């Protein structure tokens, strides 16, 4: 098997997102430690290790968030729903609204992502309870 074929079988497009998340996490740590990239000559071993750990944490957060959102979408579709249904779109819209609103008020991307995630989780729970309650009532009346 040619080398380019073996590499294309092993490298997936999602890996590029992992690399970008790692670079974002590591470079943001280096940026904060050196007050800009102009002073990177004073890089200490502790700062380098902290940057690597921050990059790996960014990859974990990306995988966790994207994986949970993808699992939510797939399970909803497997249960017979469409991705254009209102019970699917309300939690996603709530998460995006929470993210945008928090970022607009604090301009802190980490806090915005955290608020968006929890807005999604709370809205998904409320929608699940409401749909379950409505389904129970429609079954009882039939």
C-alpha atoms as a PDB file:
ATOM      1  CA  UNK A   1       0.000   0.000   0.000  1.00  0.00           C
ATOM      2  CA  UNK A   2       1.433   3.431  -0.926  1.00  0.00           C
ATOM      3  CA  UNK A   3       2.440   5.782   1.863  1.00  0.00           C
ATOM      4  CA  UNK A   4      -0.080   8.492   0.950  1.00  0.00           C
ATOM      5  CA  UNK A   5      -2.873   5.895   1.140  1.00  0.00           C
ATOM      6  CA  UNK A   6      -1.766   4.700   4.584  1.00  0.00           C
ATOM      7  CA  UNK A   7      -1.571   8.266   5.855  1.00  0.00           C
ATOM      8  CA  UNK A   8      -5.000   9.182   4.493  1.00  0.00           C
ATOM      9  CA  UNK A   9      -6.449   6.103   6.215  1.00  0.00           C
ATOM     10  CA  UNK A  10      -4.998   7.184   9.562  1.00  0.00           C
ATOM     11  CA  UNK A  11      -5.383  10.965   9.429  1.00  0.00           C
ATOM     12  CA  UNK A  12      -8.907  12.236   9.819  1.00  0.00           C
ATOM     13  CA  UNK A  13     -10.141  15.813   9.327  1.00  0.00           C
ATOM     14  CA  UNK A  14     -11.082  15.966  13.027  1.00  0.00           C
ATOM     15  CA  UNK A  15      -7.419  15.695  13.932  1.00  0.00           C
ATOM     16  CA  UNK A  16      -6.885  19.161  12.465  1.00  0.00           C
ATOM     17  CA  UNK A  17      -9.356  20.517  15.037  1.00  0.00           C
ATOM     18  CA  UNK A  18      -7.352  18.767  17.768  1.00  0.00           C
ATOM     19  CA  UNK A  19      -4.150  20.379  16.541  1.00  0.00           C
ATOM     20  CA  UNK A  20      -5.807  23.796  16.344  1.00  0.00           C
ATOM     21  CA  UNK A  21      -7.239  23.414  19.862  1.00  0.00           C
ATOM     22  CA  UNK A  22      -3.813  22.395  21.183  1.00  0.00           C
ATOM     23  CA  UNK A  23      -2.145  25.358  19.487  1.00  0.00           C
ATOM     24  CA  UNK A  24      -4.827  27.708  20.804  1.00  0.00           C
ATOM     25  CA  UNK A  25      -4.449  26.443  24.385  1.00  0.00           C
ATOM     26  CA  UNK A  26      -0.667  26.415  24.345  1.00  0.00           C
ATOM     27  CA  UNK A  27      -0.245  29.754  22.603  1.00  0.00           C
ATOM     28  CA  UNK A  28      -2.746  31.506  24.864  1.00  0.00           C
ATOM     29  CA  UNK A  29      -0.777  30.309  27.887  1.00  0.00           C
ATOM     30  CA  UNK A  30       2.482  31.482  26.349  1.00  0.00           C
ATOM     31  CA  UNK A  31       0.882  34.807  25.453  1.00  0.00           C
ATOM     32  CA  UNK A  32      -0.252  35.380  29.044  1.00  0.00           C
ATOM     33  CA  UNK A  33       3.088  34.282  30.500  1.00  0.00           C
ATOM     34  CA  UNK A  34       5.223  36.499  28.266  1.00  0.00           C
ATOM     35  CA  UNK A  35       2.857  39.470  27.870  1.00  0.00           C
ATOM     36  CA  UNK A  36       2.923  38.926  24.117  1.00  0.00           C
ATOM     37  CA  UNK A  37       5.041  36.833  21.799  1.00  0.00           C
ATOM     38  CA  UNK A  38       7.894  39.352  21.747  1.00  0.00           C
ATOM     39  CA  UNK A  39       9.332  38.131  25.054  1.00  0.00           C
ATOM     40  CA  UNK A  40       9.355  34.369  24.361  1.00  0.00           C
ATOM     41  CA  UNK A  41      13.132  34.286  24.840  1.00  0.00           C
ATOM     42  CA  UNK A  42      12.484  34.210  28.605  1.00  0.00           C
ATOM     43  CA  UNK A  43      10.574  30.912  28.348  1.00  0.00           C
ATOM     44  CA  UNK A  44      11.071  28.811  31.474  1.00  0.00           C
ATOM     45  CA  UNK A  45      10.589  25.046  31.710  1.00  0.00           C
ATOM     46  CA  UNK A  46       7.568  25.581  33.977  1.00  0.00           C
ATOM     47  CA  UNK A  47       5.959  27.880  31.420  1.00  0.00           C
ATOM     48  CA  UNK A  48       6.617  25.349  28.646  1.00  0.00           C
ATOM     49  CA  UNK A  49       5.062  22.513  30.654  1.00  0.00           C
ATOM     50  CA  UNK A  50       2.109  24.710  31.575  1.00  0.00           C
ATOM     51  CA  UNK A  51       1.620  25.563  27.893  1.00  0.00           C
ATOM     52  CA  UNK A  52       1.644  21.884  26.894  1.00  0.00           C
ATOM     53  CA  UNK A  53      -0.823  21.016  29.660  1.00  0.00           C
ATOM     54  CA  UNK A  54      -3.073  23.910  28.616  1.00  0.00           C
ATOM     55  CA  UNK A  55      -2.952  22.715  25.019  1.00  0.00           C
ATOM     56  CA  UNK A  56      -3.874  19.168  26.025  1.00  0.00           C
ATOM     57  CA  UNK A  57      -6.681  20.470  28.224  1.00  0.00           C
ATOM     58  CA  UNK A  58      -8.023  22.459  25.279  1.00  0.00           C
ATOM     59  CA  UNK A  59      -8.084  19.244  23.209  1.00  0.00           C
ATOM     60  CA  UNK A  60      -9.949  17.416  25.991  1.00  0.00           C
ATOM     61  CA  UNK A  61     -12.498  20.224  26.291  1.00  0.00           C
ATOM     62  CA  UNK A  62     -12.986  20.270  22.513  1.00  0.00           C
ATOM     63  CA  UNK A  63     -13.447  16.495  22.350  1.00  0.00           C
ATOM     64  CA  UNK A  64     -15.821  16.510  25.316  1.00  0.00           C
ATOM     65  CA  UNK A  65     -17.957  19.338  23.969  1.00  0.00           C
ATOM     66  CA  UNK A  66     -18.093  18.226  20.334  1.00  0.00           C
ATOM     67  CA  UNK A  67     -18.555  14.589  21.366  1.00  0.00           C
ATOM     68  CA  UNK A  68     -21.477  15.375  23.652  1.00  0.00           C
ATOM     69  CA  UNK A  69     -23.185  17.615  21.113  1.00  0.00           C
ATOM     70  CA  UNK A  70     -22.717  15.007  18.389  1.00  0.00           C
ATOM     71  CA  UNK A  71     -24.032  12.233  20.655  1.00  0.00           C
ATOM     72  CA  UNK A  72     -27.055  14.376  21.510  1.00  0.00           C
ATOM     73  CA  UNK A  73     -27.788  14.924  17.807  1.00  0.00           C
ATOM     74  CA  UNK A  74     -27.308  11.257  16.872  1.00  0.00           C
ATOM     75  CA  UNK A  75     -29.427   9.953  19.734  1.00  0.00           C
ATOM     76  CA  UNK A  76     -32.182  12.412  18.873  1.00  0.00           C
ATOM     77  CA  UNK A  77     -32.132  11.262  15.250  1.00  0.00           C
ATOM     78  CA  UNK A  78     -32.038   7.587  16.320  1.00  0.00           C
ATOM     79  CA  UNK A  79     -35.124   8.159  18.463  1.00  0.00           C
ATOM     80  CA  UNK A  80     -37.026   9.187  15.354  1.00  0.00           C
ATOM     81  CA  UNK A  81     -36.595  12.940  15.500  1.00  0.00           C
ATOM     82  CA  UNK A  82     -35.350  15.265  12.822  1.00  0.00           C
ATOM     83  CA  UNK A  83     -32.549  17.752  13.368  1.00  0.00           C
ATOM     84  CA  UNK A  84     -34.927  20.517  12.326  1.00  0.00           C
ATOM     85  CA  UNK A  85     -37.468  19.753  15.098  1.00  0.00           C
ATOM     86  CA  UNK A  86     -38.081  22.428  17.711  1.00  0.00           C
ATOM     87  CA  UNK A  87     -37.236  20.138  20.677  1.00  0.00           C
ATOM     88  CA  UNK A  88     -33.811  19.620  19.129  1.00  0.00           C
ATOM     89  CA  UNK A  89     -33.189  23.228  18.151  1.00  0.00           C
ATOM     90  CA  UNK A  90     -34.236  24.840  21.464  1.00  0.00           C
ATOM     91  CA  UNK A  91     -31.286  23.467  23.518  1.00  0.00           C
ATOM     92  CA  UNK A  92     -28.814  24.172  20.728  1.00  0.00           C
ATOM     93  CA  UNK A  93     -30.155  27.714  20.336  1.00  0.00           C
ATOM     94  CA  UNK A  94     -30.100  28.222  24.104  1.00  0.00           C
ATOM     95  CA  UNK A  95     -26.488  27.134  24.251  1.00  0.00           C
ATOM     96  CA  UNK A  96     -25.493  29.461  21.450  1.00  0.00           C
ATOM     97  CA  UNK A  97     -27.470  32.317  23.007  1.00  0.00           C
ATOM     98  CA  UNK A  98     -25.803  31.709  26.377  1.00  0.00           C
ATOM     99  CA  UNK A  99     -22.393  31.660  24.731  1.00  0.00           C
ATOM    100  CA  UNK A 100     -22.965  34.864  22.767  1.00  0.00           C
ATOM    101  CA  UNK A 101     -24.614  36.728  25.639  1.00  0.00           C
ATOM    102  CA  UNK A 102     -21.882  35.826  28.110  1.00  0.00           C
ATOM    103  CA  UNK A 103     -19.143  36.698  25.655  1.00  0.00           C
ATOM    104  CA  UNK A 104     -20.802  40.043  24.885  1.00  0.00           C
ATOM    105  CA  UNK A 105     -20.966  40.950  28.563  1.00  0.00           C
ATOM    106  CA  UNK A 106     -17.625  39.571  29.800  1.00  0.00           C
ATOM    107  CA  UNK A 107     -15.477  39.189  26.626  1.00  0.00           C
ATOM    108  CA  UNK A 108     -14.038  36.072  28.287  1.00  0.00           C
ATOM    109  CA  UNK A 109     -14.136  33.141  25.868  1.00  0.00           C
ATOM    110  CA  UNK A 110     -13.708  30.509  28.580  1.00  0.00           C
ATOM    111  CA  UNK A 111     -16.589  31.848  30.655  1.00  0.00           C
ATOM    112  CA  UNK A 112     -18.719  32.157  27.527  1.00  0.00           C
ATOM    113  CA  UNK A 113     -18.071  28.541  26.522  1.00  0.00           C
ATOM    114  CA  UNK A 114     -18.847  27.376  30.063  1.00  0.00           C
ATOM    115  CA  UNK A 115     -22.092  29.366  30.179  1.00  0.00           C
ATOM    116  CA  UNK A 116     -23.094  28.164  26.710  1.00  0.00           C
ATOM    117  CA  UNK A 117     -22.511  24.546  27.682  1.00  0.00           C
ATOM    118  CA  UNK A 118     -24.595  24.807  30.838  1.00  0.00           C
ATOM    119  CA  UNK A 119     -27.356  26.722  29.059  1.00  0.00           C
ATOM    120  CA  UNK A 120     -27.480  23.844  26.575  1.00  0.00           C
ATOM    121  CA  UNK A 121     -27.575  21.224  29.350  1.00  0.00           C
ATOM    122  CA  UNK A 122     -30.334  22.974  31.321  1.00  0.00           C
ATOM    123  CA  UNK A 123     -32.428  23.623  28.201  1.00  0.00           C
ATOM    124  CA  UNK A 124     -32.007  19.997  27.061  1.00  0.00           C
ATOM    125  CA  UNK A 125     -33.194  18.793  30.473  1.00  0.00           C
ATOM    126  CA  UNK A 126     -36.198  21.095  30.497  1.00  0.00           C
ATOM    127  CA  UNK A 127     -37.146  20.145  26.926  1.00  0.00           C
ATOM    128  CA  UNK A 128     -36.746  16.433  27.695  1.00  0.00           C
ATOM    129  CA  UNK A 129     -39.005  16.724  30.746  1.00  0.00           C
ATOM    130  CA  UNK A 130     -41.601  18.744  28.818  1.00  0.00           C
ATOM    131  CA  UNK A 131     -41.637  16.327  25.869  1.00  0.00           C
ATOM    132  CA  UNK A 132     -41.858  13.338  28.191  1.00  0.00           C
ATOM    133  CA  UNK A 133     -44.713  14.944  30.120  1.00  0.00           C
ATOM    134  CA  UNK A 134     -46.542  15.832  26.899  1.00  0.00           C
ATOM    135  CA  UNK A 135     -46.048  12.311  25.540  1.00  0.00           C
ATOM    136  CA  UNK A 136     -47.410  10.841  28.786  1.00  0.00           C
ATOM    137  CA  UNK A 137     -50.503  12.988  28.630  1.00  0.00           C
ATOM    138  CA  UNK A 138     -51.128  12.174  24.956  1.00  0.00           C
ATOM    139  CA  UNK A 139     -50.769   8.423  25.704  1.00  0.00           C
ATOM    140  CA  UNK A 140     -53.182   8.639  28.639  1.00  0.00           C
ATOM    141  CA  UNK A 141     -55.827  10.425  26.606  1.00  0.00           C
ATOM    142  CA  UNK A 142     -55.653   7.946  23.705  1.00  0.00           C
END
